[in-house]
């Protein structure tokens, strides 16, 4: 049985496409090292704020309670830590921005409701 040039070309092209797809599907993806996020709470003029760090670099410096627009710091250290922990959780669980909503802030600081 003799194959035509067209048939050979189609078979070789199909083989090449199959090998390319197989190589793409099975190639090893480099493992991306997870960013090492951490938080530090600090004292400000009449309350508390927090920094979010990646390794040792500050990426978020928050001196006031976010989402309320009043420029006041967290009244208690514990509240600043809770807010920082929530931001860390958001950074670790998704690619979304780690912003805090007014409702989340109200849960952390009930006196602001």
C-alpha atoms as a PDB file:
ATOM      1  CA  UNK A   1       0.000   0.000   0.000  1.00  0.00           C
ATOM      2  CA  UNK A   2       1.406   3.333  -1.078  1.00  0.00           C
ATOM      3  CA  UNK A   3       0.577   6.505   0.871  1.00  0.00           C
ATOM      4  CA  UNK A   4       0.196   9.806  -0.877  1.00  0.00           C
ATOM      5  CA  UNK A   5       2.283  12.832   0.062  1.00  0.00           C
ATOM      6  CA  UNK A   6      -0.844  14.476   1.443  1.00  0.00           C
ATOM      7  CA  UNK A   7      -1.615  11.520   3.724  1.00  0.00           C
ATOM      8  CA  UNK A   8       1.979  11.404   4.992  1.00  0.00           C
ATOM      9  CA  UNK A   9       1.914  15.161   5.634  1.00  0.00           C
ATOM     10  CA  UNK A  10      -1.360  14.895   7.574  1.00  0.00           C
ATOM     11  CA  UNK A  11      -0.072  11.950   9.641  1.00  0.00           C
ATOM     12  CA  UNK A  12       3.235  13.678  10.452  1.00  0.00           C
ATOM     13  CA  UNK A  13       1.443  16.916  11.333  1.00  0.00           C
ATOM     14  CA  UNK A  14      -0.958  15.031  13.605  1.00  0.00           C
ATOM     15  CA  UNK A  15       1.952  13.256  15.258  1.00  0.00           C
ATOM     16  CA  UNK A  16       3.780  16.545  15.782  1.00  0.00           C
ATOM     17  CA  UNK A  17       0.685  18.193  17.281  1.00  0.00           C
ATOM     18  CA  UNK A  18       0.124  15.183  19.562  1.00  0.00           C
ATOM     19  CA  UNK A  19       3.731  15.243  20.780  1.00  0.00           C
ATOM     20  CA  UNK A  20       3.525  19.006  21.388  1.00  0.00           C
ATOM     21  CA  UNK A  21       0.316  18.655  23.389  1.00  0.00           C
ATOM     22  CA  UNK A  22       1.738  15.763  25.395  1.00  0.00           C
ATOM     23  CA  UNK A  23       4.938  17.684  26.118  1.00  0.00           C
ATOM     24  CA  UNK A  24       2.954  20.747  27.207  1.00  0.00           C
ATOM     25  CA  UNK A  25       0.672  18.738  29.487  1.00  0.00           C
ATOM     26  CA  UNK A  26       3.483  16.814  31.171  1.00  0.00           C
ATOM     27  CA  UNK A  27       6.130  19.500  31.487  1.00  0.00           C
ATOM     28  CA  UNK A  28       7.122  20.306  35.002  1.00  0.00           C
ATOM     29  CA  UNK A  29       5.989  23.631  36.308  1.00  0.00           C
ATOM     30  CA  UNK A  30       8.540  25.332  38.510  1.00  0.00           C
ATOM     31  CA  UNK A  31       7.283  25.363  42.068  1.00  0.00           C
ATOM     32  CA  UNK A  32       6.736  28.953  43.106  1.00  0.00           C
ATOM     33  CA  UNK A  33       7.874  29.516  46.636  1.00  0.00           C
ATOM     34  CA  UNK A  34       5.049  30.862  48.728  1.00  0.00           C
ATOM     35  CA  UNK A  35       5.479  34.405  49.914  1.00  0.00           C
ATOM     36  CA  UNK A  36       6.180  34.629  53.608  1.00  0.00           C
ATOM     37  CA  UNK A  37       3.640  37.081  54.919  1.00  0.00           C
ATOM     38  CA  UNK A  38       3.742  38.343  58.475  1.00  0.00           C
ATOM     39  CA  UNK A  39       2.268  41.158  60.516  1.00  0.00           C
ATOM     40  CA  UNK A  40       3.613  43.516  63.126  1.00  0.00           C
ATOM     41  CA  UNK A  41       1.444  45.636  65.391  1.00  0.00           C
ATOM     42  CA  UNK A  42       2.789  49.012  66.483  1.00  0.00           C
ATOM     43  CA  UNK A  43       1.791  51.862  68.734  1.00  0.00           C
ATOM     44  CA  UNK A  44       0.719  55.203  67.230  1.00  0.00           C
ATOM     45  CA  UNK A  45      -0.093  58.541  68.866  1.00  0.00           C
ATOM     46  CA  UNK A  46      -3.293  57.359  70.611  1.00  0.00           C
ATOM     47  CA  UNK A  47      -3.850  53.773  69.561  1.00  0.00           C
ATOM     48  CA  UNK A  48      -2.536  50.953  67.391  1.00  0.00           C
ATOM     49  CA  UNK A  49      -1.738  50.200  63.776  1.00  0.00           C
ATOM     50  CA  UNK A  50      -0.156  47.343  61.857  1.00  0.00           C
ATOM     51  CA  UNK A  51       2.306  46.541  59.096  1.00  0.00           C
ATOM     52  CA  UNK A  52       1.997  43.633  56.681  1.00  0.00           C
ATOM     53  CA  UNK A  53       5.327  42.310  55.495  1.00  0.00           C
ATOM     54  CA  UNK A  54       6.532  39.982  52.757  1.00  0.00           C
ATOM     55  CA  UNK A  55       9.729  38.472  54.058  1.00  0.00           C
ATOM     56  CA  UNK A  56      11.222  41.606  55.640  1.00  0.00           C
ATOM     57  CA  UNK A  57       9.665  44.253  53.382  1.00  0.00           C
ATOM     58  CA  UNK A  58       6.642  46.270  54.463  1.00  0.00           C
ATOM     59  CA  UNK A  59       3.910  46.118  51.805  1.00  0.00           C
ATOM     60  CA  UNK A  60       1.075  47.622  53.870  1.00  0.00           C
ATOM     61  CA  UNK A  61       1.537  50.268  56.565  1.00  0.00           C
ATOM     62  CA  UNK A  62      -1.796  50.883  58.295  1.00  0.00           C
ATOM     63  CA  UNK A  63      -1.799  53.601  60.948  1.00  0.00           C
ATOM     64  CA  UNK A  64      -5.576  54.030  61.060  1.00  0.00           C
ATOM     65  CA  UNK A  65      -8.650  51.832  60.900  1.00  0.00           C
ATOM     66  CA  UNK A  66      -9.332  51.052  57.240  1.00  0.00           C
ATOM     67  CA  UNK A  67     -12.730  51.483  55.552  1.00  0.00           C
ATOM     68  CA  UNK A  68     -14.148  54.073  57.938  1.00  0.00           C
ATOM     69  CA  UNK A  69     -12.412  57.180  56.593  1.00  0.00           C
ATOM     70  CA  UNK A  70     -11.921  58.920  59.922  1.00  0.00           C
ATOM     71  CA  UNK A  71      -8.153  58.509  60.260  1.00  0.00           C
ATOM     72  CA  UNK A  72      -8.374  57.104  63.778  1.00  0.00           C
ATOM     73  CA  UNK A  73      -6.167  54.251  64.979  1.00  0.00           C
ATOM     74  CA  UNK A  74      -7.367  51.007  66.522  1.00  0.00           C
ATOM     75  CA  UNK A  75      -8.173  51.699  70.189  1.00  0.00           C
ATOM     76  CA  UNK A  76      -6.761  48.352  71.358  1.00  0.00           C
ATOM     77  CA  UNK A  77      -3.688  46.372  70.363  1.00  0.00           C
ATOM     78  CA  UNK A  78      -5.831  43.224  70.117  1.00  0.00           C
ATOM     79  CA  UNK A  79      -8.050  44.868  67.490  1.00  0.00           C
ATOM     80  CA  UNK A  80      -5.075  45.891  65.348  1.00  0.00           C
ATOM     81  CA  UNK A  81      -3.777  42.318  65.552  1.00  0.00           C
ATOM     82  CA  UNK A  82      -7.178  40.898  64.537  1.00  0.00           C
ATOM     83  CA  UNK A  83      -7.316  43.219  61.520  1.00  0.00           C
ATOM     84  CA  UNK A  84      -3.759  42.315  60.526  1.00  0.00           C
ATOM     85  CA  UNK A  85      -4.569  38.609  60.848  1.00  0.00           C
ATOM     86  CA  UNK A  86      -7.609  39.032  58.602  1.00  0.00           C
ATOM     87  CA  UNK A  87      -5.475  40.784  55.986  1.00  0.00           C
ATOM     88  CA  UNK A  88      -2.925  37.944  56.197  1.00  0.00           C
ATOM     89  CA  UNK A  89      -5.720  35.425  55.705  1.00  0.00           C
ATOM     90  CA  UNK A  90      -6.967  37.271  52.626  1.00  0.00           C
ATOM     91  CA  UNK A  91      -3.467  37.429  51.179  1.00  0.00           C
ATOM     92  CA  UNK A  92      -2.941  33.715  51.727  1.00  0.00           C
ATOM     93  CA  UNK A  93      -6.298  32.534  50.406  1.00  0.00           C
ATOM     94  CA  UNK A  94      -6.768  34.512  47.218  1.00  0.00           C
ATOM     95  CA  UNK A  95      -5.348  36.838  44.635  1.00  0.00           C
ATOM     96  CA  UNK A  96      -7.821  39.552  45.576  1.00  0.00           C
ATOM     97  CA  UNK A  97      -6.825  42.769  47.235  1.00  0.00           C
ATOM     98  CA  UNK A  98      -6.520  42.364  50.995  1.00  0.00           C
ATOM     99  CA  UNK A  99      -8.924  45.153  51.817  1.00  0.00           C
ATOM    100  CA  UNK A 100     -11.147  45.120  54.874  1.00  0.00           C
ATOM    101  CA  UNK A 101     -14.820  45.941  54.504  1.00  0.00           C
ATOM    102  CA  UNK A 102     -16.790  48.181  56.843  1.00  0.00           C
ATOM    103  CA  UNK A 103     -18.611  45.106  58.167  1.00  0.00           C
ATOM    104  CA  UNK A 104     -15.322  43.318  58.920  1.00  0.00           C
ATOM    105  CA  UNK A 105     -14.001  46.393  60.697  1.00  0.00           C
ATOM    106  CA  UNK A 106     -17.267  46.689  62.668  1.00  0.00           C
ATOM    107  CA  UNK A 107     -16.823  43.097  63.880  1.00  0.00           C
ATOM    108  CA  UNK A 108     -13.297  43.862  65.046  1.00  0.00           C
ATOM    109  CA  UNK A 109     -14.206  47.237  66.571  1.00  0.00           C
ATOM    110  CA  UNK A 110     -17.848  47.046  67.733  1.00  0.00           C
ATOM    111  CA  UNK A 111     -17.643  50.545  69.230  1.00  0.00           C
ATOM    112  CA  UNK A 112     -17.504  51.960  65.691  1.00  0.00           C
ATOM    113  CA  UNK A 113     -20.942  50.670  64.655  1.00  0.00           C
END
